[in-house]
């Protein structure tokens, strides 16, 4: 069994696709930065060292056919500040999925729900402060 080594480059950005239902007034809610019950305590992200915000968005929306209001980002260091390991999780291409070598997981599993929610809220604030990575904002306001 292979042991995954957590990512350690604190500067690496992690791109998160945010479902439109998790966006209010052009900003992602904290729900977008914590796993749901079906996620087994792990939040899917894309590694900035292996992809771009645009490619991550296109893979999510066009490749996987999922909805996204846009790409926001947190860094590995910001996750580590919250006590969250980020584990590489490159996806190979079984028939029902598309390969995603940049896929990674932010591990919330060690924390009870209330602590996971608090950590997710702090990550959401960091992502909002950093700004939307893709698609770019139009001169007329947020694009969604």
C-alpha atoms as a PDB file:
ATOM      1  CA  UNK A   1       0.000   0.000   0.000  1.00  0.00           C
ATOM      2  CA  UNK A   2       1.346   3.410  -0.986  1.00  0.00           C
ATOM      3  CA  UNK A   3       1.366   6.136   1.632  1.00  0.00           C
ATOM      4  CA  UNK A   4       0.507   9.528   0.199  1.00  0.00           C
ATOM      5  CA  UNK A   5       2.833  12.332   1.182  1.00  0.00           C
ATOM      6  CA  UNK A   6       1.001  15.613   1.842  1.00  0.00           C
ATOM      7  CA  UNK A   7       1.878  18.531  -0.401  1.00  0.00           C
ATOM      8  CA  UNK A   8       4.422  20.834   1.189  1.00  0.00           C
ATOM      9  CA  UNK A   9       4.838  23.819  -1.167  1.00  0.00           C
ATOM     10  CA  UNK A  10       2.944  26.414   0.859  1.00  0.00           C
ATOM     11  CA  UNK A  11       2.780  28.755  -2.155  1.00  0.00           C
ATOM     12  CA  UNK A  12       1.022  26.269  -4.452  1.00  0.00           C
ATOM     13  CA  UNK A  13      -2.528  27.342  -5.233  1.00  0.00           C
ATOM     14  CA  UNK A  14      -5.400  24.879  -5.086  1.00  0.00           C
ATOM     15  CA  UNK A  15      -8.264  25.617  -7.453  1.00  0.00           C
ATOM     16  CA  UNK A  16     -11.784  24.947  -6.243  1.00  0.00           C
ATOM     17  CA  UNK A  17     -14.818  24.831  -8.531  1.00  0.00           C
ATOM     18  CA  UNK A  18     -17.802  26.420  -6.823  1.00  0.00           C
ATOM     19  CA  UNK A  19     -21.310  25.238  -7.623  1.00  0.00           C
ATOM     20  CA  UNK A  20     -23.670  28.142  -8.434  1.00  0.00           C
ATOM     21  CA  UNK A  21     -25.870  27.293  -5.431  1.00  0.00           C
ATOM     22  CA  UNK A  22     -22.897  28.119  -3.159  1.00  0.00           C
ATOM     23  CA  UNK A  23     -22.446  31.656  -4.540  1.00  0.00           C
ATOM     24  CA  UNK A  24     -24.112  34.687  -2.948  1.00  0.00           C
ATOM     25  CA  UNK A  25     -23.585  38.202  -4.284  1.00  0.00           C
ATOM     26  CA  UNK A  26     -20.760  36.944  -6.500  1.00  0.00           C
ATOM     27  CA  UNK A  27     -18.881  35.327  -3.598  1.00  0.00           C
ATOM     28  CA  UNK A  28     -18.568  31.682  -2.641  1.00  0.00           C
ATOM     29  CA  UNK A  29     -20.105  30.713   0.688  1.00  0.00           C
ATOM     30  CA  UNK A  30     -18.196  28.699   3.245  1.00  0.00           C
ATOM     31  CA  UNK A  31     -20.089  25.592   2.068  1.00  0.00           C
ATOM     32  CA  UNK A  32     -17.943  25.620  -1.070  1.00  0.00           C
ATOM     33  CA  UNK A  33     -14.787  25.093   0.975  1.00  0.00           C
ATOM     34  CA  UNK A  34     -15.748  22.124   3.097  1.00  0.00           C
ATOM     35  CA  UNK A  35     -16.700  18.597   2.104  1.00  0.00           C
ATOM     36  CA  UNK A  36     -20.309  17.457   1.977  1.00  0.00           C
ATOM     37  CA  UNK A  37     -21.528  14.195   3.511  1.00  0.00           C
ATOM     38  CA  UNK A  38     -20.858  12.280   0.275  1.00  0.00           C
ATOM     39  CA  UNK A  39     -17.200  13.419   0.167  1.00  0.00           C
ATOM     40  CA  UNK A  40     -15.906  11.202   3.011  1.00  0.00           C
ATOM     41  CA  UNK A  41     -14.257  14.184   4.687  1.00  0.00           C
ATOM     42  CA  UNK A  42     -12.184  15.187   1.663  1.00  0.00           C
ATOM     43  CA  UNK A  43     -12.559  18.277  -0.527  1.00  0.00           C
ATOM     44  CA  UNK A  44     -11.629  18.034  -4.224  1.00  0.00           C
ATOM     45  CA  UNK A  45      -9.270  20.654  -5.607  1.00  0.00           C
ATOM     46  CA  UNK A  46      -6.906  21.014  -8.560  1.00  0.00           C
ATOM     47  CA  UNK A  47      -3.197  21.656  -8.080  1.00  0.00           C
ATOM     48  CA  UNK A  48      -1.946  24.962  -9.445  1.00  0.00           C
ATOM     49  CA  UNK A  49       1.465  23.471 -10.199  1.00  0.00           C
ATOM     50  CA  UNK A  50      -0.163  21.057 -12.672  1.00  0.00           C
ATOM     51  CA  UNK A  51      -3.035  23.039 -14.215  1.00  0.00           C
ATOM     52  CA  UNK A  52      -4.461  26.531 -14.647  1.00  0.00           C
ATOM     53  CA  UNK A  53      -7.722  28.020 -13.336  1.00  0.00           C
ATOM     54  CA  UNK A  54      -9.093  27.964 -16.897  1.00  0.00           C
ATOM     55  CA  UNK A  55      -8.184  24.314 -17.561  1.00  0.00           C
ATOM     56  CA  UNK A  56      -9.546  23.234 -14.160  1.00  0.00           C
ATOM     57  CA  UNK A  57     -12.829  25.034 -14.934  1.00  0.00           C
ATOM     58  CA  UNK A  58     -13.097  23.475 -18.410  1.00  0.00           C
ATOM     59  CA  UNK A  59     -12.360  19.963 -17.132  1.00  0.00           C
ATOM     60  CA  UNK A  60     -15.053  20.358 -14.476  1.00  0.00           C
ATOM     61  CA  UNK A  61     -17.721  21.892 -16.716  1.00  0.00           C
ATOM     62  CA  UNK A  62     -17.041  20.554 -20.209  1.00  0.00           C
ATOM     63  CA  UNK A  63     -15.164  17.355 -19.387  1.00  0.00           C
ATOM     64  CA  UNK A  64     -17.233  16.159 -16.450  1.00  0.00           C
ATOM     65  CA  UNK A  65     -20.428  18.032 -17.314  1.00  0.00           C
ATOM     66  CA  UNK A  66     -20.700  19.588 -13.847  1.00  0.00           C
ATOM     67  CA  UNK A  67     -21.795  23.126 -13.021  1.00  0.00           C
ATOM     68  CA  UNK A  68     -19.434  25.788 -11.724  1.00  0.00           C
ATOM     69  CA  UNK A  69     -19.917  29.489 -11.068  1.00  0.00           C
ATOM     70  CA  UNK A  70     -16.168  29.852 -11.265  1.00  0.00           C
ATOM     71  CA  UNK A  71     -12.777  28.948  -9.911  1.00  0.00           C
ATOM     72  CA  UNK A  72     -11.490  30.294  -6.606  1.00  0.00           C
ATOM     73  CA  UNK A  73      -8.259  29.331  -4.872  1.00  0.00           C
ATOM     74  CA  UNK A  74      -6.608  28.749  -1.534  1.00  0.00           C
ATOM     75  CA  UNK A  75      -2.980  27.821  -1.010  1.00  0.00           C
ATOM     76  CA  UNK A  76      -1.425  24.704   0.444  1.00  0.00           C
ATOM     77  CA  UNK A  77      -0.030  26.929   3.214  1.00  0.00           C
ATOM     78  CA  UNK A  78      -3.483  28.277   4.064  1.00  0.00           C
ATOM     79  CA  UNK A  79      -4.761  24.719   4.363  1.00  0.00           C
ATOM     80  CA  UNK A  80      -1.810  23.748   6.525  1.00  0.00           C
ATOM     81  CA  UNK A  81      -2.470  26.760   8.788  1.00  0.00           C
ATOM     82  CA  UNK A  82      -5.897  25.198   9.390  1.00  0.00           C
ATOM     83  CA  UNK A  83      -4.345  21.821  10.215  1.00  0.00           C
ATOM     84  CA  UNK A  84      -5.521  20.379   6.876  1.00  0.00           C
ATOM     85  CA  UNK A  85      -3.255  18.143   4.836  1.00  0.00           C
ATOM     86  CA  UNK A  86      -3.503  18.316   1.062  1.00  0.00           C
ATOM     87  CA  UNK A  87      -2.976  14.946  -0.579  1.00  0.00           C
ATOM     88  CA  UNK A  88      -2.174  14.376  -4.244  1.00  0.00           C
ATOM     89  CA  UNK A  89      -4.934  12.279  -5.818  1.00  0.00           C
ATOM     90  CA  UNK A  90      -4.284  12.098  -9.572  1.00  0.00           C
ATOM     91  CA  UNK A  91      -7.215  10.474 -11.326  1.00  0.00           C
ATOM     92  CA  UNK A  92      -6.610   7.991 -14.085  1.00  0.00           C
ATOM     93  CA  UNK A  93      -9.196   7.580 -16.805  1.00  0.00           C
ATOM     94  CA  UNK A  94     -11.673   4.764 -16.166  1.00  0.00           C
ATOM     95  CA  UNK A  95     -14.496   4.661 -18.723  1.00  0.00           C
ATOM     96  CA  UNK A  96     -16.844   6.875 -16.689  1.00  0.00           C
ATOM     97  CA  UNK A  97     -14.352   9.632 -15.832  1.00  0.00           C
ATOM     98  CA  UNK A  98     -11.807  11.885 -17.447  1.00  0.00           C
ATOM     99  CA  UNK A  99      -8.185  11.769 -16.355  1.00  0.00           C
ATOM    100  CA  UNK A 100      -7.162  14.567 -14.022  1.00  0.00           C
ATOM    101  CA  UNK A 101      -3.489  14.427 -13.043  1.00  0.00           C
ATOM    102  CA  UNK A 102      -3.887  17.703 -11.091  1.00  0.00           C
ATOM    103  CA  UNK A 103      -6.602  16.359  -8.742  1.00  0.00           C
ATOM    104  CA  UNK A 104      -5.879  16.582  -5.017  1.00  0.00           C
ATOM    105  CA  UNK A 105      -7.830  16.292  -1.775  1.00  0.00           C
ATOM    106  CA  UNK A 106      -7.941  18.593   1.241  1.00  0.00           C
ATOM    107  CA  UNK A 107      -8.348  16.239   4.196  1.00  0.00           C
ATOM    108  CA  UNK A 108     -10.987  17.404   6.702  1.00  0.00           C
ATOM    109  CA  UNK A 109     -11.613  13.835   7.947  1.00  0.00           C
ATOM    110  CA  UNK A 110      -9.809  14.176  11.299  1.00  0.00           C
ATOM    111  CA  UNK A 111     -12.203  16.913  12.424  1.00  0.00           C
ATOM    112  CA  UNK A 112     -15.765  16.796  13.729  1.00  0.00           C
ATOM    113  CA  UNK A 113     -18.385  18.648  11.693  1.00  0.00           C
ATOM    114  CA  UNK A 114     -18.299  21.914  13.661  1.00  0.00           C
ATOM    115  CA  UNK A 115     -14.500  22.151  13.417  1.00  0.00           C
ATOM    116  CA  UNK A 116     -14.568  21.298   9.705  1.00  0.00           C
ATOM    117  CA  UNK A 117     -17.170  24.023   9.147  1.00  0.00           C
ATOM    118  CA  UNK A 118     -15.039  26.612  10.950  1.00  0.00           C
ATOM    119  CA  UNK A 119     -11.950  25.662   8.939  1.00  0.00           C
ATOM    120  CA  UNK A 120     -13.952  25.787   5.699  1.00  0.00           C
ATOM    121  CA  UNK A 121     -15.287  29.241   6.578  1.00  0.00           C
ATOM    122  CA  UNK A 122     -11.767  30.569   7.123  1.00  0.00           C
ATOM    123  CA  UNK A 123     -10.616  29.066   3.798  1.00  0.00           C
ATOM    124  CA  UNK A 124     -13.603  30.637   2.027  1.00  0.00           C
ATOM    125  CA  UNK A 125     -12.614  34.064   3.389  1.00  0.00           C
ATOM    126  CA  UNK A 126      -9.065  33.568   2.058  1.00  0.00           C
ATOM    127  CA  UNK A 127     -10.421  32.574  -1.350  1.00  0.00           C
ATOM    128  CA  UNK A 128     -12.761  35.585  -1.479  1.00  0.00           C
ATOM    129  CA  UNK A 129      -9.890  37.887  -0.463  1.00  0.00           C
ATOM    130  CA  UNK A 130      -7.745  36.408  -3.260  1.00  0.00           C
ATOM    131  CA  UNK A 131     -10.535  36.921  -5.787  1.00  0.00           C
ATOM    132  CA  UNK A 132     -12.140  34.833  -8.484  1.00  0.00           C
ATOM    133  CA  UNK A 133      -9.516  33.149 -10.660  1.00  0.00           C
ATOM    134  CA  UNK A 134     -11.748  32.169 -13.618  1.00  0.00           C
ATOM    135  CA  UNK A 135     -13.765  33.197 -15.534  1.00  0.00           C
ATOM    136  CA  UNK A 136     -12.513  36.738 -15.205  1.00  0.00           C
ATOM    137  CA  UNK A 137     -14.899  39.392 -14.021  1.00  0.00           C
ATOM    138  CA  UNK A 138     -16.464  41.363 -16.844  1.00  0.00           C
ATOM    139  CA  UNK A 139     -16.538  45.181 -16.750  1.00  0.00           C
ATOM    140  CA  UNK A 140     -20.304  44.897 -16.204  1.00  0.00           C
ATOM    141  CA  UNK A 141     -19.939  42.878 -12.994  1.00  0.00           C
ATOM    142  CA  UNK A 142     -19.587  39.237 -11.983  1.00  0.00           C
ATOM    143  CA  UNK A 143     -19.912  36.620 -14.698  1.00  0.00           C
ATOM    144  CA  UNK A 144     -21.823  33.514 -13.704  1.00  0.00           C
END
